[in-house]
C-alpha atoms as a PDB file:
ATOM      1  CA  MET A   1      12.129  -4.793  11.968  1.00  0.00           C
ATOM      2  CA  LYS A   2      11.714  -6.294   8.502  1.00  0.00           C
ATOM      3  CA  VAL A   3       8.953  -4.770   6.361  1.00  0.00           C
ATOM      4  CA  GLY A   4       7.454  -5.806   3.050  1.00  0.00           C
ATOM      5  CA  ILE A   5       5.693  -3.204   0.907  1.00  0.00           C
ATOM      6  CA  LEU A   6       3.164  -4.952  -1.346  1.00  0.00           C
ATOM      7  CA  TYR A   7       1.964  -2.691  -4.144  1.00  0.00           C
ATOM      8  CA  TYR A   8       0.422  -2.609  -7.595  1.00  0.00           C
ATOM      9  CA  SER A   9       1.210   0.175 -10.043  1.00  0.00           C
ATOM     10  CA  LYS A  10       0.155   0.599 -13.651  1.00  0.00           C
ATOM     11  CA  THR A  11       1.737   4.034 -14.324  1.00  0.00           C
ATOM     12  CA  GLY A  12       4.477   4.039 -11.659  1.00  0.00           C
ATOM     13  CA  HIS A  13       2.903   6.371  -9.075  1.00  0.00           C
ATOM     14  CA  THR A  14       2.108   3.698  -6.505  1.00  0.00           C
ATOM     15  CA  LEU A  15       5.614   2.290  -6.962  1.00  0.00           C
ATOM     16  CA  ALA A  16       7.126   5.797  -6.479  1.00  0.00           C
ATOM     17  CA  ALA A  17       5.129   6.054  -3.244  1.00  0.00           C
ATOM     18  CA  ALA A  18       6.430   2.623  -2.136  1.00  0.00           C
ATOM     19  CA  LYS A  19       9.975   3.789  -2.758  1.00  0.00           C
ATOM     20  CA  ALA A  20       9.422   6.914  -0.671  1.00  0.00           C
ATOM     21  CA  ILE A  21       7.975   4.868   2.175  1.00  0.00           C
ATOM     22  CA  ALA A  22      10.906   2.421   1.908  1.00  0.00           C
ATOM     23  CA  GLU A  23      13.347   5.311   2.164  1.00  0.00           C
ATOM     24  CA  GLY A  24      11.705   6.418   5.428  1.00  0.00           C
ATOM     25  CA  ILE A  25      11.869   2.834   6.763  1.00  0.00           C
ATOM     26  CA  LYS A  26      15.559   2.578   5.888  1.00  0.00           C
ATOM     27  CA  GLN A  27      16.254   5.942   7.569  1.00  0.00           C
ATOM     28  CA  GLU A  28      15.058   4.391  10.827  1.00  0.00           C
ATOM     29  CA  GLY A  29      17.435   1.427  10.410  1.00  0.00           C
ATOM     30  CA  SER A  30      14.898  -1.195   9.388  1.00  0.00           C
ATOM     31  CA  GLN A  31      14.964  -3.580   6.453  1.00  0.00           C
ATOM     32  CA  VAL A  32      12.454  -3.291   3.631  1.00  0.00           C
ATOM     33  CA  ASP A  33      11.560  -5.088   0.438  1.00  0.00           C
ATOM     34  CA  ILE A  34       9.220  -3.745  -2.253  1.00  0.00           C
ATOM     35  CA  ILE A  35       7.045  -6.496  -3.755  1.00  0.00           C
ATOM     36  CA  ASN A  36       4.895  -6.244  -6.888  1.00  0.00           C
ATOM     37  CA  ALA A  37       1.510  -7.875  -6.230  1.00  0.00           C
ATOM     38  CA  ASN A  38       1.592  -9.445  -9.697  1.00  0.00           C
ATOM     39  CA  THR A  39       4.699 -11.498  -8.764  1.00  0.00           C
ATOM     40  CA  LEU A  40       3.825 -12.199  -5.137  1.00  0.00           C
ATOM     41  CA  GLU A  41       4.382 -15.642  -3.671  1.00  0.00           C
ATOM     42  CA  ILE A  42       2.183 -15.606  -0.551  1.00  0.00           C
ATOM     43  CA  ALA A  43       4.601 -17.716   1.508  1.00  0.00           C
ATOM     44  CA  ILE A  44       7.187 -14.904   1.424  1.00  0.00           C
ATOM     45  CA  LEU A  45       4.973 -12.693   3.606  1.00  0.00           C
ATOM     46  CA  LYS A  46       5.770 -14.871   6.617  1.00  0.00           C
ATOM     47  CA  ILE A  47       9.277 -13.450   6.846  1.00  0.00           C
ATOM     48  CA  TYR A  48       8.050  -9.887   7.534  1.00  0.00           C
ATOM     49  CA  ASP A  49       7.215  -8.301  10.868  1.00  0.00           C
ATOM     50  CA  GLY A  50       5.150  -5.678   9.063  1.00  0.00           C
ATOM     51  CA  ILE A  51       3.475  -5.413   5.687  1.00  0.00           C
ATOM     52  CA  ILE A  52       2.342  -2.229   3.973  1.00  0.00           C
ATOM     53  CA  PHE A  53      -0.260  -2.563   1.222  1.00  0.00           C
ATOM     54  CA  GLY A  54      -0.338   0.106  -1.512  1.00  0.00           C
ATOM     55  CA  SER A  55      -3.038   0.436  -4.118  1.00  0.00           C
ATOM     56  CA  PRO A  56      -4.132   2.941  -6.716  1.00  0.00           C
ATOM     57  CA  CYS A  57      -7.772   3.875  -6.470  1.00  0.00           C
ATOM     58  CA  TRP A  58      -9.432   2.229  -9.434  1.00  0.00           C
ATOM     59  CA  GLY A  59     -12.402   3.847 -11.118  1.00  0.00           C
ATOM     60  CA  GLY A  60     -12.935   6.429  -8.389  1.00  0.00           C
ATOM     61  CA  CYS A  61     -14.220   3.590  -6.219  1.00  0.00           C
ATOM     62  CA  ILE A  62     -17.211   2.955  -8.459  1.00  0.00           C
ATOM     63  CA  THR A  63     -16.383  -0.774  -8.518  1.00  0.00           C
ATOM     64  CA  ASN A  64     -14.486  -3.084  -6.175  1.00  0.00           C
ATOM     65  CA  ASN A  65     -14.169  -0.301  -3.575  1.00  0.00           C
ATOM     66  CA  GLY A  66     -11.326   1.092  -5.686  1.00  0.00           C
ATOM     67  CA  VAL A  67      -8.752  -1.495  -4.677  1.00  0.00           C
ATOM     68  CA  ALA A  68      -6.615  -2.629  -7.617  1.00  0.00           C
ATOM     69  CA  THR A  69      -7.416  -6.180  -8.676  1.00  0.00           C
ATOM     70  CA  PRO A  70      -3.848  -7.530  -8.137  1.00  0.00           C
ATOM     71  CA  ILE A  71      -3.967  -6.296  -4.511  1.00  0.00           C
ATOM     72  CA  THR A  72      -7.438  -7.797  -4.003  1.00  0.00           C
ATOM     73  CA  LYS A  73      -6.232 -11.120  -5.430  1.00  0.00           C
ATOM     74  CA  ALA A  74      -3.181 -11.117  -3.110  1.00  0.00           C
ATOM     75  CA  LEU A  75      -5.348 -10.369  -0.063  1.00  0.00           C
ATOM     76  CA  ASN A  76      -7.831 -13.078  -1.065  1.00  0.00           C
ATOM     77  CA  LYS A  77      -5.001 -15.625  -1.085  1.00  0.00           C
ATOM     78  CA  LEU A  78      -4.168 -14.887   2.549  1.00  0.00           C
ATOM     79  CA  GLU A  79      -5.676 -17.210   5.150  1.00  0.00           C
ATOM     80  CA  LYS A  80      -8.005 -15.812   7.802  1.00  0.00           C
ATOM     81  CA  ASN A  81      -5.482 -15.273  10.605  1.00  0.00           C
ATOM     82  CA  SER A  82      -2.341 -15.008   8.497  1.00  0.00           C
ATOM     83  CA  LEU A  83      -1.717 -11.392   9.602  1.00  0.00           C
ATOM     84  CA  LYS A  84      -2.528 -11.807  13.303  1.00  0.00           C
ATOM     85  CA  ASP A  85       1.091 -11.360  14.463  1.00  0.00           C
ATOM     86  CA  LYS A  86       1.918  -8.631  11.941  1.00  0.00           C
ATOM     87  CA  ILE A  87       1.780  -4.858  11.870  1.00  0.00           C
ATOM     88  CA  ALA A  88       0.107  -3.644   8.710  1.00  0.00           C
ATOM     89  CA  GLY A  89      -0.176  -0.334   6.917  1.00  0.00           C
ATOM     90  CA  VAL A  90      -2.003   0.984   3.884  1.00  0.00           C
ATOM     91  CA  TYR A  91      -1.601   3.833   1.413  1.00  0.00           C
ATOM     92  CA  THR A  92      -3.514   4.874  -1.687  1.00  0.00           C
ATOM     93  CA  ILE A  93      -2.825   6.833  -4.812  1.00  0.00           C
ATOM     94  CA  TYR A  94      -5.830   8.459  -6.547  1.00  0.00           C
ATOM     95  CA  ALA A  95      -6.359  10.734  -9.554  1.00  0.00           C
ATOM     96  CA  ILE A  96      -9.673  12.443  -8.827  1.00  0.00           C
ATOM     97  CA  LYS A  97     -11.612  10.898  -5.928  1.00  0.00           C
ATOM     98  CA  GLY A  98     -12.084   7.723  -3.937  1.00  0.00           C
ATOM     99  CA  GLY A  99      -8.752   7.432  -2.157  1.00  0.00           C
ATOM    100  CA  GLU A 100     -10.327   7.452   1.307  1.00  0.00           C
ATOM    101  CA  LYS A 101     -12.666   4.620   0.384  1.00  0.00           C
ATOM    102  CA  THR A 102      -9.785   2.552  -1.024  1.00  0.00           C
ATOM    103  CA  ASN A 103      -7.767   3.021   2.168  1.00  0.00           C
ATOM    104  CA  LYS A 104     -10.739   2.057   4.340  1.00  0.00           C
ATOM    105  CA  THR A 105     -11.447  -1.048   2.249  1.00  0.00           C
ATOM    106  CA  LEU A 106      -7.811  -2.135   2.620  1.00  0.00           C
ATOM    107  CA  VAL A 107      -7.998  -1.626   6.398  1.00  0.00           C
ATOM    108  CA  ASN A 108     -11.216  -3.665   6.664  1.00  0.00           C
ATOM    109  CA  VAL A 109      -9.885  -6.564   4.577  1.00  0.00           C
ATOM    110  CA  ILE A 110      -6.603  -6.652   6.500  1.00  0.00           C
ATOM    111  CA  ALA A 111      -8.472  -6.674   9.799  1.00  0.00           C
ATOM    112  CA  LYS A 112     -10.442  -9.694   8.592  1.00  0.00           C
ATOM    113  CA  LYS A 113      -7.101 -11.459   8.081  1.00  0.00           C
ATOM    114  CA  GLY A 114      -6.459 -11.184  11.823  1.00  0.00           C
ATOM    115  CA  CYS A 115      -4.283  -8.066  11.925  1.00  0.00           C
ATOM    116  CA  LYS A 116      -4.803  -6.045  15.144  1.00  0.00           C
ATOM    117  CA  LYS A 117      -2.467  -3.117  14.451  1.00  0.00           C
ATOM    118  CA  ILE A 118      -3.105  -1.308  11.191  1.00  0.00           C
ATOM    119  CA  MET A 119      -1.717   2.128  10.371  1.00  0.00           C
ATOM    120  CA  GLU A 120      -3.804   4.016   7.849  1.00  0.00           C
ATOM    121  CA  GLY A 121      -1.281   5.880   5.760  1.00  0.00           C
ATOM    122  CA  PRO A 122      -1.253   8.663   3.217  1.00  0.00           C
ATOM    123  CA  ILE A 123      -3.845   9.136   0.502  1.00  0.00           C
ATOM    124  CA  VAL A 124      -1.916  10.865  -2.284  1.00  0.00           C
ATOM    125  CA  LYS A 125      -3.126  12.533  -5.450  1.00  0.00           C
ATOM    126  CA  ALA A 126      -1.270  11.686  -8.653  1.00  0.00           C
ATOM    127  CA  GLY A 127      -1.980  10.274 -12.084  1.00  0.00           C
ATOM    128  CA  ALA A 128      -4.730  10.686 -14.633  1.00  0.00           C
ATOM    129  CA  VAL A 129      -8.352   9.555 -14.830  1.00  0.00           C
ATOM    130  CA  LEU A 130      -8.562   5.866 -15.701  1.00  0.00           C
ATOM    131  CA  SER A 131      -4.746   5.898 -16.047  1.00  0.00           C
ATOM    132  CA  ILE A 132      -5.051   7.443 -19.509  1.00  0.00           C
ATOM    133  CA  GLY A 133      -1.425   8.459 -19.737  1.00  0.00           C
ATOM    134  CA  LYS A 134       0.833   8.949 -16.742  1.00  0.00           C
ATOM    135  CA  GLY A 135      -0.712  12.206 -15.474  1.00  0.00           C
ATOM    136  CA  SER A 136       0.690  14.305 -12.683  1.00  0.00           C
ATOM    137  CA  SER A 137       3.490  13.013 -10.484  1.00  0.00           C
ATOM    138  CA  ILE A 138       3.431  12.755  -6.690  1.00  0.00           C
ATOM    139  CA  SER A 139       4.224  16.198  -5.249  1.00  0.00           C
ATOM    140  CA  ASP A 140       7.417  16.766  -3.275  1.00  0.00           C
ATOM    141  CA  GLN A 141       5.265  17.515  -0.241  1.00  0.00           C
ATOM    142  CA  ASP A 142       3.534  14.158  -0.564  1.00  0.00           C
ATOM    143  CA  ILE A 143       6.877  12.371  -1.030  1.00  0.00           C
ATOM    144  CA  GLN A 144       7.909  13.784   2.369  1.00  0.00           C
ATOM    145  CA  LEU A 145       4.582  12.650   3.849  1.00  0.00           C
ATOM    146  CA  LEU A 146       5.183   9.120   2.510  1.00  0.00           C
ATOM    147  CA  LYS A 147       8.717   9.037   3.938  1.00  0.00           C
ATOM    148  CA  HIS A 148       7.364  10.122   7.305  1.00  0.00           C
ATOM    149  CA  PHE A 149       4.783   7.332   7.143  1.00  0.00           C
ATOM    150  CA  GLY A 150       7.595   4.848   6.575  1.00  0.00           C
ATOM    151  CA  GLN A 151       9.506   6.228   9.555  1.00  0.00           C
ATOM    152  CA  SER A 152       6.423   6.131  11.807  1.00  0.00           C
ATOM    153  CA  PHE A 153       5.582   2.597  10.741  1.00  0.00           C
ATOM    154  CA  VAL A 154       8.797   1.150  12.182  1.00  0.00           C
ATOM    155  CA  LYS A 155       8.973   3.261  15.368  1.00  0.00           C
END
């Protein structure tokens, strides 16, 4: 299986989570690429069997359901049934609250793009409010949870 992990990260926490998920995917013998949403060329997503979307929770979900704008823009570029033959997954990094809402929003948007199989992944606490500074790192326990998600995604 070939998997793309599409993420956005301002402080590096969402990228660190993507790397942990990628490690789990590789442990199961699958291929994986980590793709920054800011540099995404939509056509590349066609080469993947599965796509995992990772977003920090922005503003505690006060606006835009917490999904980072670069992820929202990437999802908006996808045509209606562009994910119908794909497996998708989601994960969220949050500092204080709102991670559940961000994950649910991602699931709903991905479903509207035609995806039938969506794995709702970890909601991990890390960072600082409004990304003022880097804040706390992802815990070792959550790194293991993210790796397990990657493994489960490709099984």
